[in-house]
Amino acid sequence: MSTLNPPSDPYMRLLGLEVRHLGPGQAVLAGCVQAQHLNIHGYGHGGFIYSLADAAFALASNSHGVPAVALATHLEHFKAVREGDVLEAHAREENLGRRTATYRIEIRRNTDLVALFTGTVFRMSKETS
């Protein structure tokens, strides 16, 4: 996957996510919390934060040219986000095996860590993809 040519993802476009960096085993995406991303309390919806982290996870885990699909994910929320907040998801590879790989995605507002996502993928062989 080229750092200048991320794959087309209609869901990322729908959410207004921006790819800021791609590299082997890593990705940085950004998204601005908008009115349609708010929950019933007026804060950023956890689903928006999850989607931002999951998109970074997908790009980082598929950056080696081997199709990868999620096996497990986990998200912890630390701080509330509000409309207008720009969030960045910083994905990095923690472990790369032959059949599985694990990633850590920090969701930040400026320097504040607002959520932490971890995920493990199954790396498919090119014959089974």
C-alpha atoms as a PDB file:
ATOM      1  CA  MET A   1       0.000   0.000   0.000  1.00  0.00           C
ATOM      2  CA  SER A   2       1.461   3.312  -1.036  1.00  0.00           C
ATOM      3  CA  THR A   3       1.680   6.081   1.523  1.00  0.00           C
ATOM      4  CA  LEU A   4       0.177   8.409  -1.093  1.00  0.00           C
ATOM      5  CA  ASN A   5      -2.572   6.120  -2.337  1.00  0.00           C
ATOM      6  CA  PRO A   6      -4.764   4.662   0.447  1.00  0.00           C
ATOM      7  CA  PRO A   7      -7.521   2.292  -0.626  1.00  0.00           C
ATOM      8  CA  SER A   8     -10.935   3.764  -1.323  1.00  0.00           C
ATOM      9  CA  ASP A   9     -13.189   3.413   1.721  1.00  0.00           C
ATOM     10  CA  PRO A  10     -16.743   4.770   1.406  1.00  0.00           C
ATOM     11  CA  TYR A  11     -17.300   4.646   5.185  1.00  0.00           C
ATOM     12  CA  MET A  12     -14.204   6.749   5.861  1.00  0.00           C
ATOM     13  CA  ARG A  13     -15.485   9.282   3.326  1.00  0.00           C
ATOM     14  CA  LEU A  14     -18.953   9.273   4.940  1.00  0.00           C
ATOM     15  CA  LEU A  15     -17.394  10.124   8.318  1.00  0.00           C
ATOM     16  CA  GLY A  16     -15.069  12.736   6.814  1.00  0.00           C
ATOM     17  CA  LEU A  17     -11.884  10.968   7.929  1.00  0.00           C
ATOM     18  CA  GLU A  18      -8.547  12.161   6.587  1.00  0.00           C
ATOM     19  CA  VAL A  19      -5.470   9.977   6.126  1.00  0.00           C
ATOM     20  CA  ARG A  20      -2.480  11.908   7.443  1.00  0.00           C
ATOM     21  CA  HIS A  21       0.174   9.186   7.313  1.00  0.00           C
ATOM     22  CA  LEU A  22       0.544   5.614   6.098  1.00  0.00           C
ATOM     23  CA  GLY A  23       3.543   3.359   6.462  1.00  0.00           C
ATOM     24  CA  PRO A  24       4.373  -0.293   7.092  1.00  0.00           C
ATOM     25  CA  GLY A  25       2.403  -1.274  10.198  1.00  0.00           C
ATOM     26  CA  GLN A  26       1.298   2.264  10.958  1.00  0.00           C
ATOM     27  CA  ALA A  27      -1.316   4.871  10.095  1.00  0.00           C
ATOM     28  CA  VAL A  28      -2.513   8.244  11.319  1.00  0.00           C
ATOM     29  CA  LEU A  29      -6.077   9.335  10.579  1.00  0.00           C
ATOM     30  CA  ALA A  30      -7.947  12.455  11.659  1.00  0.00           C
ATOM     31  CA  GLY A  31     -11.609  13.277  12.038  1.00  0.00           C
ATOM     32  CA  CYS A  32     -13.536  16.285  13.298  1.00  0.00           C
ATOM     33  CA  VAL A  33     -16.430  15.638  15.680  1.00  0.00           C
ATOM     34  CA  GLN A  34     -19.484  17.136  13.958  1.00  0.00           C
ATOM     35  CA  ALA A  35     -23.106  17.580  15.049  1.00  0.00           C
ATOM     36  CA  GLN A  36     -24.105  14.263  13.447  1.00  0.00           C
ATOM     37  CA  HIS A  37     -21.427  12.495  15.539  1.00  0.00           C
ATOM     38  CA  LEU A  38     -22.926  13.476  18.917  1.00  0.00           C
ATOM     39  CA  ASN A  39     -24.689  11.164  21.365  1.00  0.00           C
ATOM     40  CA  ILE A  40     -27.844  11.882  23.386  1.00  0.00           C
ATOM     41  CA  HIS A  41     -25.775  13.792  25.968  1.00  0.00           C
ATOM     42  CA  GLY A  42     -24.223  16.127  23.404  1.00  0.00           C
ATOM     43  CA  TYR A  43     -20.764  14.539  23.512  1.00  0.00           C
ATOM     44  CA  GLY A  44     -18.922  12.731  20.730  1.00  0.00           C
ATOM     45  CA  HIS A  45     -20.525   9.324  20.175  1.00  0.00           C
ATOM     46  CA  GLY A  46     -18.407   6.308  21.048  1.00  0.00           C
ATOM     47  CA  GLY A  47     -19.266   4.844  17.647  1.00  0.00           C
ATOM     48  CA  PHE A  48     -17.507   7.741  15.915  1.00  0.00           C
ATOM     49  CA  ILE A  49     -14.405   7.259  18.055  1.00  0.00           C
ATOM     50  CA  TYR A  50     -14.506   3.505  17.422  1.00  0.00           C
ATOM     51  CA  SER A  51     -14.880   4.034  13.668  1.00  0.00           C
ATOM     52  CA  LEU A  52     -11.908   6.418  13.573  1.00  0.00           C
ATOM     53  CA  ALA A  53      -9.742   3.926  15.483  1.00  0.00           C
ATOM     54  CA  ASP A  54     -10.985   0.967  13.432  1.00  0.00           C
ATOM     55  CA  ALA A  55     -10.184   2.723  10.151  1.00  0.00           C
ATOM     56  CA  ALA A  56      -6.612   3.404  11.329  1.00  0.00           C
ATOM     57  CA  PHE A  57      -6.394  -0.236  12.477  1.00  0.00           C
ATOM     58  CA  ALA A  58      -7.549  -1.447   9.046  1.00  0.00           C
ATOM     59  CA  LEU A  59      -5.039   0.675   7.141  1.00  0.00           C
ATOM     60  CA  ALA A  60      -2.108  -0.225   9.402  1.00  0.00           C
ATOM     61  CA  SER A  61      -2.913  -3.950   9.449  1.00  0.00           C
ATOM     62  CA  ASN A  62      -3.312  -4.146   5.667  1.00  0.00           C
ATOM     63  CA  SER A  63      -0.129  -2.194   4.920  1.00  0.00           C
ATOM     64  CA  HIS A  64       2.069  -5.239   4.278  1.00  0.00           C
ATOM     65  CA  GLY A  65       0.286  -6.445   1.138  1.00  0.00           C
ATOM     66  CA  VAL A  66      -1.354  -9.394   2.923  1.00  0.00           C
ATOM     67  CA  PRO A  67      -5.140  -9.112   3.429  1.00  0.00           C
ATOM     68  CA  ALA A  68      -5.952  -8.852   7.141  1.00  0.00           C
ATOM     69  CA  VAL A  69      -9.331  -9.069   8.901  1.00  0.00           C
ATOM     70  CA  ALA A  70     -10.178  -8.281  12.513  1.00  0.00           C
ATOM     71  CA  LEU A  71     -10.319 -11.111  15.047  1.00  0.00           C
ATOM     72  CA  ALA A  72     -10.776  -9.010  18.192  1.00  0.00           C
ATOM     73  CA  THR A  73     -10.933  -5.347  19.187  1.00  0.00           C
ATOM     74  CA  HIS A  74     -11.180  -3.439  22.448  1.00  0.00           C
ATOM     75  CA  LEU A  75     -11.783   0.258  23.113  1.00  0.00           C
ATOM     76  CA  GLU A  76     -11.421   2.188  26.362  1.00  0.00           C
ATOM     77  CA  HIS A  77     -12.709   5.773  26.669  1.00  0.00           C
ATOM     78  CA  PHE A  78     -10.818   8.148  28.968  1.00  0.00           C
ATOM     79  CA  LYS A  79     -12.136  11.632  28.153  1.00  0.00           C
ATOM     80  CA  ALA A  80     -15.271  13.061  26.582  1.00  0.00           C
ATOM     81  CA  VAL A  81     -15.013  14.802  23.213  1.00  0.00           C
ATOM     82  CA  ARG A  82     -17.168  17.634  21.947  1.00  0.00           C
ATOM     83  CA  GLU A  83     -18.386  19.042  18.667  1.00  0.00           C
ATOM     84  CA  GLY A  84     -15.516  20.722  16.845  1.00  0.00           C
ATOM     85  CA  ASP A  85     -12.805  18.586  18.453  1.00  0.00           C
ATOM     86  CA  VAL A  86     -10.295  17.239  15.937  1.00  0.00           C
ATOM     87  CA  LEU A  87      -9.238  13.720  16.864  1.00  0.00           C
ATOM     88  CA  GLU A  88      -6.248  11.791  15.555  1.00  0.00           C
ATOM     89  CA  ALA A  89      -5.926   8.017  15.622  1.00  0.00           C
ATOM     90  CA  HIS A  90      -2.284   6.902  15.759  1.00  0.00           C
ATOM     91  CA  ALA A  91      -2.016   3.204  14.872  1.00  0.00           C
ATOM     92  CA  ARG A  92       1.144   1.205  15.372  1.00  0.00           C
ATOM     93  CA  GLU A  93       1.996  -2.437  15.073  1.00  0.00           C
ATOM     94  CA  GLU A  94       2.816  -4.159  18.351  1.00  0.00           C
ATOM     95  CA  ASN A  95       3.346  -7.683  17.014  1.00  0.00           C
ATOM     96  CA  LEU A  96       3.515  -9.064  13.479  1.00  0.00           C
ATOM     97  CA  GLY A  97       3.287 -12.818  13.119  1.00  0.00           C
ATOM     98  CA  ARG A  98       2.835 -15.083  10.138  1.00  0.00           C
ATOM     99  CA  ARG A  99      -0.938 -15.505  10.705  1.00  0.00           C
ATOM    100  CA  THR A 100      -1.883 -12.814  13.257  1.00  0.00           C
ATOM    101  CA  ALA A 101      -0.838  -9.277  14.142  1.00  0.00           C
ATOM    102  CA  THR A 102      -1.728  -6.934  16.994  1.00  0.00           C
ATOM    103  CA  TYR A 103      -2.082  -3.149  16.893  1.00  0.00           C
ATOM    104  CA  ARG A 104      -2.380  -0.307  19.397  1.00  0.00           C
ATOM    105  CA  ILE A 105      -4.313   2.782  18.351  1.00  0.00           C
ATOM    106  CA  GLU A 106      -4.180   5.922  20.486  1.00  0.00           C
ATOM    107  CA  ILE A 107      -6.989   8.411  19.872  1.00  0.00           C
ATOM    108  CA  ARG A 108      -5.799  11.888  20.758  1.00  0.00           C
ATOM    109  CA  ARG A 109      -7.176  15.416  20.917  1.00  0.00           C
ATOM    110  CA  ASN A 110      -4.014  17.482  20.629  1.00  0.00           C
ATOM    111  CA  THR A 111      -1.808  15.843  23.290  1.00  0.00           C
ATOM    112  CA  ASP A 112      -4.694  14.432  25.379  1.00  0.00           C
ATOM    113  CA  LEU A 113      -5.249  10.687  25.160  1.00  0.00           C
ATOM    114  CA  VAL A 114      -9.043  10.379  24.897  1.00  0.00           C
ATOM    115  CA  ALA A 115      -9.309   6.665  24.062  1.00  0.00           C
ATOM    116  CA  LEU A 116      -7.198   3.557  23.541  1.00  0.00           C
ATOM    117  CA  PHE A 117      -8.061   0.858  21.002  1.00  0.00           C
ATOM    118  CA  THR A 118      -6.306  -2.481  20.620  1.00  0.00           C
ATOM    119  CA  GLY A 119      -6.967  -4.977  17.887  1.00  0.00           C
ATOM    120  CA  THR A 120      -5.754  -8.286  16.532  1.00  0.00           C
ATOM    121  CA  VAL A 121      -6.088  -9.390  12.924  1.00  0.00           C
ATOM    122  CA  PHE A 122      -5.941 -12.672  11.071  1.00  0.00           C
ATOM    123  CA  ARG A 123      -3.547 -12.381   8.140  1.00  0.00           C
ATOM    124  CA  MET A 124      -5.072 -14.324   5.255  1.00  0.00           C
ATOM    125  CA  SER A 125      -2.987 -16.032   2.654  1.00  0.00           C
ATOM    126  CA  LYS A 126      -3.395 -14.582  -0.806  1.00  0.00           C
ATOM    127  CA  GLU A 127      -5.029 -17.875  -1.859  1.00  0.00           C
ATOM    128  CA  THR A 128      -7.879 -17.528   0.690  1.00  0.00           C
ATOM    129  CA  SER A 129      -8.600 -13.834   0.203  1.00  0.00           C
END
